């Protein structure tokens, strides 16, 4: 009896209780971190798709107004048409169609794309809407949008 009375009077947790809590928190963390990283990867693809769509749409507005394609994203920003960066979410410069880089008059396909997280994606030819894991993400004035997929893990 005396031991149980002394035990009731002490404040604190036993080592077993602390280890159980640490184990549970560790398990929850192990489950949550991969989901957070996957969400971050998906959000970068979503941002790249939105930026390229905006850039192509504003390129067409610029071309209708000036009768020629803008030669860079900076030209669109200076015209007050787009507030996107020259780089994709992975820090790689956005790729512009040759007709854009040359400042041609409207009529040729205008596309802008990101090379994807590994910097290896290309503009799909023939056109496909899904360029696969690590692939490019972009938009075309003729074909519409395409995207790669995030690689889990």
C-alpha atoms as a PDB file:
ATOM      1  CA  UNK A   1       0.000   0.000   0.000  1.00  0.00           C
ATOM      2  CA  UNK A   2       2.706   2.384   0.904  1.00  0.00           C
ATOM      3  CA  UNK A   3       4.286   2.167  -2.594  1.00  0.00           C
ATOM      4  CA  UNK A   4       0.993   2.928  -4.321  1.00  0.00           C
ATOM      5  CA  UNK A   5       0.402   5.995  -2.157  1.00  0.00           C
ATOM      6  CA  UNK A   6       3.828   7.351  -2.963  1.00  0.00           C
ATOM      7  CA  UNK A   7       3.219   6.740  -6.657  1.00  0.00           C
ATOM      8  CA  UNK A   8      -0.070   8.646  -6.683  1.00  0.00           C
ATOM      9  CA  UNK A   9       1.537  11.679  -5.132  1.00  0.00           C
ATOM     10  CA  UNK A  10       4.283  12.071  -7.782  1.00  0.00           C
ATOM     11  CA  UNK A  11       3.657  14.161 -10.894  1.00  0.00           C
ATOM     12  CA  UNK A  12       4.999  13.180 -14.302  1.00  0.00           C
ATOM     13  CA  UNK A  13       5.013  10.342 -16.795  1.00  0.00           C
ATOM     14  CA  UNK A  14       6.710   6.983 -16.787  1.00  0.00           C
ATOM     15  CA  UNK A  15       9.375   6.113 -19.323  1.00  0.00           C
ATOM     16  CA  UNK A  16       6.989   3.672 -21.031  1.00  0.00           C
ATOM     17  CA  UNK A  17       4.344   6.382 -21.447  1.00  0.00           C
ATOM     18  CA  UNK A  18       6.880   8.796 -22.954  1.00  0.00           C
ATOM     19  CA  UNK A  19       8.204   6.154 -25.338  1.00  0.00           C
ATOM     20  CA  UNK A  20       4.652   5.341 -26.460  1.00  0.00           C
ATOM     21  CA  UNK A  21       3.956   9.017 -27.224  1.00  0.00           C
ATOM     22  CA  UNK A  22       7.257   9.410 -29.107  1.00  0.00           C
ATOM     23  CA  UNK A  23       6.483   6.266 -31.121  1.00  0.00           C
ATOM     24  CA  UNK A  24       2.988   7.520 -32.052  1.00  0.00           C
ATOM     25  CA  UNK A  25       4.287  10.958 -33.059  1.00  0.00           C
ATOM     26  CA  UNK A  26       7.020   9.295 -35.138  1.00  0.00           C
ATOM     27  CA  UNK A  27       4.496   7.112 -36.947  1.00  0.00           C
ATOM     28  CA  UNK A  28       2.238  10.083 -37.710  1.00  0.00           C
ATOM     29  CA  UNK A  29       5.228  12.034 -39.024  1.00  0.00           C
ATOM     30  CA  UNK A  30       6.286   9.115 -41.224  1.00  0.00           C
ATOM     31  CA  UNK A  31       2.808   9.098 -42.750  1.00  0.00           C
ATOM     32  CA  UNK A  32       2.478  12.888 -43.153  1.00  0.00           C
ATOM     33  CA  UNK A  33       5.851  13.852 -44.681  1.00  0.00           C
ATOM     34  CA  UNK A  34       5.502  11.860 -47.937  1.00  0.00           C
ATOM     35  CA  UNK A  35       2.012  13.325 -48.435  1.00  0.00           C
ATOM     36  CA  UNK A  36       3.323  16.852 -47.923  1.00  0.00           C
ATOM     37  CA  UNK A  37       6.149  16.293 -50.421  1.00  0.00           C
ATOM     38  CA  UNK A  38       3.744  14.834 -52.988  1.00  0.00           C
ATOM     39  CA  UNK A  39       1.470  17.839 -52.616  1.00  0.00           C
ATOM     40  CA  UNK A  40       4.449  20.146 -53.157  1.00  0.00           C
ATOM     41  CA  UNK A  41       5.399  18.319 -56.378  1.00  0.00           C
ATOM     42  CA  UNK A  42       1.832  18.475 -57.679  1.00  0.00           C
ATOM     43  CA  UNK A  43       1.575  22.163 -56.842  1.00  0.00           C
ATOM     44  CA  UNK A  44       4.701  22.938 -58.901  1.00  0.00           C
ATOM     45  CA  UNK A  45       3.191  21.210 -61.941  1.00  0.00           C
ATOM     46  CA  UNK A  46      -0.054  23.106 -61.392  1.00  0.00           C
ATOM     47  CA  UNK A  47       1.819  26.404 -61.140  1.00  0.00           C
ATOM     48  CA  UNK A  48       3.822  25.666 -64.295  1.00  0.00           C
ATOM     49  CA  UNK A  49       0.624  24.787 -66.196  1.00  0.00           C
ATOM     50  CA  UNK A  50      -1.095  27.981 -65.026  1.00  0.00           C
ATOM     51  CA  UNK A  51       1.915  30.176 -65.859  1.00  0.00           C
ATOM     52  CA  UNK A  52       2.291  28.779 -69.381  1.00  0.00           C
ATOM     53  CA  UNK A  53      -1.445  29.084 -70.032  1.00  0.00           C
ATOM     54  CA  UNK A  54      -1.358  32.708 -68.885  1.00  0.00           C
ATOM     55  CA  UNK A  55       1.728  33.430 -70.991  1.00  0.00           C
ATOM     56  CA  UNK A  56       0.246  31.951 -74.171  1.00  0.00           C
ATOM     57  CA  UNK A  57      -3.088  33.707 -73.658  1.00  0.00           C
ATOM     58  CA  UNK A  58      -1.352  37.035 -73.090  1.00  0.00           C
ATOM     59  CA  UNK A  59       0.945  36.365 -76.060  1.00  0.00           C
ATOM     60  CA  UNK A  60      -2.126  36.140 -78.270  1.00  0.00           C
ATOM     61  CA  UNK A  61      -3.510  39.390 -76.791  1.00  0.00           C
ATOM     62  CA  UNK A  62      -0.157  41.076 -77.440  1.00  0.00           C
ATOM     63  CA  UNK A  63      -0.042  39.709 -80.997  1.00  0.00           C
ATOM     64  CA  UNK A  64      -3.539  41.009 -81.750  1.00  0.00           C
ATOM     65  CA  UNK A  65      -2.610  44.430 -80.401  1.00  0.00           C
ATOM     66  CA  UNK A  66       0.903  44.798 -81.921  1.00  0.00           C
ATOM     67  CA  UNK A  67       0.597  42.516 -84.997  1.00  0.00           C
ATOM     68  CA  UNK A  68       3.671  40.554 -83.951  1.00  0.00           C
ATOM     69  CA  UNK A  69       4.604  38.050 -81.302  1.00  0.00           C
ATOM     70  CA  UNK A  70       6.463  39.142 -78.152  1.00  0.00           C
ATOM     71  CA  UNK A  71      10.060  37.937 -78.063  1.00  0.00           C
ATOM     72  CA  UNK A  72      10.160  37.158 -74.332  1.00  0.00           C
ATOM     73  CA  UNK A  73       8.136  36.953 -71.142  1.00  0.00           C
ATOM     74  CA  UNK A  74       9.756  40.261 -70.140  1.00  0.00           C
ATOM     75  CA  UNK A  75       8.108  41.950 -73.152  1.00  0.00           C
ATOM     76  CA  UNK A  76       4.724  40.721 -71.878  1.00  0.00           C
ATOM     77  CA  UNK A  77       5.478  42.031 -68.392  1.00  0.00           C
ATOM     78  CA  UNK A  78       6.604  45.414 -69.755  1.00  0.00           C
ATOM     79  CA  UNK A  79       3.372  45.641 -71.768  1.00  0.00           C
ATOM     80  CA  UNK A  80       1.428  45.038 -68.538  1.00  0.00           C
ATOM     81  CA  UNK A  81      -0.066  41.797 -69.808  1.00  0.00           C
ATOM     82  CA  UNK A  82       1.524  39.132 -67.604  1.00  0.00           C
ATOM     83  CA  UNK A  83       3.165  39.124 -64.205  1.00  0.00           C
ATOM     84  CA  UNK A  84       4.810  35.705 -64.427  1.00  0.00           C
ATOM     85  CA  UNK A  85       8.489  34.935 -64.008  1.00  0.00           C
ATOM     86  CA  UNK A  86      10.894  34.050 -66.812  1.00  0.00           C
ATOM     87  CA  UNK A  87      11.566  30.812 -64.915  1.00  0.00           C
ATOM     88  CA  UNK A  88       9.338  27.852 -64.123  1.00  0.00           C
ATOM     89  CA  UNK A  89       8.708  26.678 -60.522  1.00  0.00           C
ATOM     90  CA  UNK A  90      11.913  24.597 -60.684  1.00  0.00           C
ATOM     91  CA  UNK A  91      14.017  27.660 -61.579  1.00  0.00           C
ATOM     92  CA  UNK A  92      14.532  26.672 -65.234  1.00  0.00           C
ATOM     93  CA  UNK A  93      13.823  29.333 -67.904  1.00  0.00           C
ATOM     94  CA  UNK A  94      10.501  28.915 -69.731  1.00  0.00           C
ATOM     95  CA  UNK A  95      10.906  27.812 -73.342  1.00  0.00           C
ATOM     96  CA  UNK A  96       9.271  29.842 -76.125  1.00  0.00           C
ATOM     97  CA  UNK A  97       8.345  28.739 -79.630  1.00  0.00           C
ATOM     98  CA  UNK A  98      10.725  29.812 -82.402  1.00  0.00           C
ATOM     99  CA  UNK A  99       8.002  32.081 -83.840  1.00  0.00           C
ATOM    100  CA  UNK A 100       7.933  33.959 -80.529  1.00  0.00           C
ATOM    101  CA  UNK A 101      11.686  34.282 -80.191  1.00  0.00           C
ATOM    102  CA  UNK A 102      11.896  35.711 -83.720  1.00  0.00           C
ATOM    103  CA  UNK A 103       9.017  38.170 -83.150  1.00  0.00           C
ATOM    104  CA  UNK A 104       7.095  36.897 -86.184  1.00  0.00           C
ATOM    105  CA  UNK A 105       3.644  38.200 -87.085  1.00  0.00           C
ATOM    106  CA  UNK A 106       0.762  36.085 -85.754  1.00  0.00           C
ATOM    107  CA  UNK A 107      -0.135  32.994 -87.725  1.00  0.00           C
ATOM    108  CA  UNK A 108       2.392  30.381 -86.652  1.00  0.00           C
ATOM    109  CA  UNK A 109       1.901  28.199 -83.582  1.00  0.00           C
ATOM    110  CA  UNK A 110       2.751  30.005 -80.356  1.00  0.00           C
ATOM    111  CA  UNK A 111       3.714  27.777 -77.460  1.00  0.00           C
ATOM    112  CA  UNK A 112       5.462  28.244 -74.158  1.00  0.00           C
ATOM    113  CA  UNK A 113       6.549  25.403 -71.904  1.00  0.00           C
ATOM    114  CA  UNK A 114       8.520  24.348 -68.865  1.00  0.00           C
ATOM    115  CA  UNK A 115      11.064  21.563 -69.249  1.00  0.00           C
ATOM    116  CA  UNK A 116       9.779  19.998 -66.017  1.00  0.00           C
ATOM    117  CA  UNK A 117      11.564  19.234 -62.746  1.00  0.00           C
ATOM    118  CA  UNK A 118      14.574  17.544 -64.362  1.00  0.00           C
ATOM    119  CA  UNK A 119      15.031  20.115 -67.144  1.00  0.00           C
ATOM    120  CA  UNK A 120      14.764  17.435 -69.820  1.00  0.00           C
ATOM    121  CA  UNK A 121      11.191  17.798 -71.124  1.00  0.00           C
ATOM    122  CA  UNK A 122      10.520  18.964 -74.673  1.00  0.00           C
ATOM    123  CA  UNK A 123       7.554  20.246 -76.619  1.00  0.00           C
ATOM    124  CA  UNK A 124       5.663  17.090 -77.612  1.00  0.00           C
ATOM    125  CA  UNK A 125       5.778  16.318 -81.318  1.00  0.00           C
ATOM    126  CA  UNK A 126       3.483  14.677 -82.275  1.00  0.00           C
ATOM    127  CA  UNK A 127       1.256  16.395 -79.760  1.00  0.00           C
ATOM    128  CA  UNK A 128       0.262  14.456 -76.671  1.00  0.00           C
ATOM    129  CA  UNK A 129      -1.536  15.855 -73.642  1.00  0.00           C
ATOM    130  CA  UNK A 130       0.572  13.860 -71.139  1.00  0.00           C
ATOM    131  CA  UNK A 131       4.358  13.876 -71.447  1.00  0.00           C
ATOM    132  CA  UNK A 132       4.912  11.397 -68.620  1.00  0.00           C
ATOM    133  CA  UNK A 133       6.907  11.450 -65.418  1.00  0.00           C
ATOM    134  CA  UNK A 134       9.277  14.402 -65.260  1.00  0.00           C
ATOM    135  CA  UNK A 135       8.026  15.643 -68.608  1.00  0.00           C
ATOM    136  CA  UNK A 136       7.350  19.108 -69.903  1.00  0.00           C
ATOM    137  CA  UNK A 137       4.349  21.261 -69.009  1.00  0.00           C
ATOM    138  CA  UNK A 138       3.054  23.848 -71.425  1.00  0.00           C
ATOM    139  CA  UNK A 139       0.407  25.426 -73.566  1.00  0.00           C
ATOM    140  CA  UNK A 140       0.042  25.886 -77.304  1.00  0.00           C
ATOM    141  CA  UNK A 141      -2.093  28.308 -79.274  1.00  0.00           C
ATOM    142  CA  UNK A 142      -2.976  25.450 -81.639  1.00  0.00           C
ATOM    143  CA  UNK A 143      -3.099  22.274 -79.533  1.00  0.00           C
ATOM    144  CA  UNK A 144      -3.875  23.523 -76.037  1.00  0.00           C
ATOM    145  CA  UNK A 145      -2.311  22.383 -72.798  1.00  0.00           C
ATOM    146  CA  UNK A 146      -0.073  19.443 -72.042  1.00  0.00           C
ATOM    147  CA  UNK A 147       1.529  18.303 -68.830  1.00  0.00           C
ATOM    148  CA  UNK A 148       3.970  15.869 -67.379  1.00  0.00           C
ATOM    149  CA  UNK A 149       3.277  13.960 -64.223  1.00  0.00           C
ATOM    150  CA  UNK A 150       4.940  14.203 -60.874  1.00  0.00           C
ATOM    151  CA  UNK A 151       7.058  11.240 -59.894  1.00  0.00           C
ATOM    152  CA  UNK A 152       5.984   9.948 -56.465  1.00  0.00           C
ATOM    153  CA  UNK A 153       8.611   9.251 -53.867  1.00  0.00           C
END
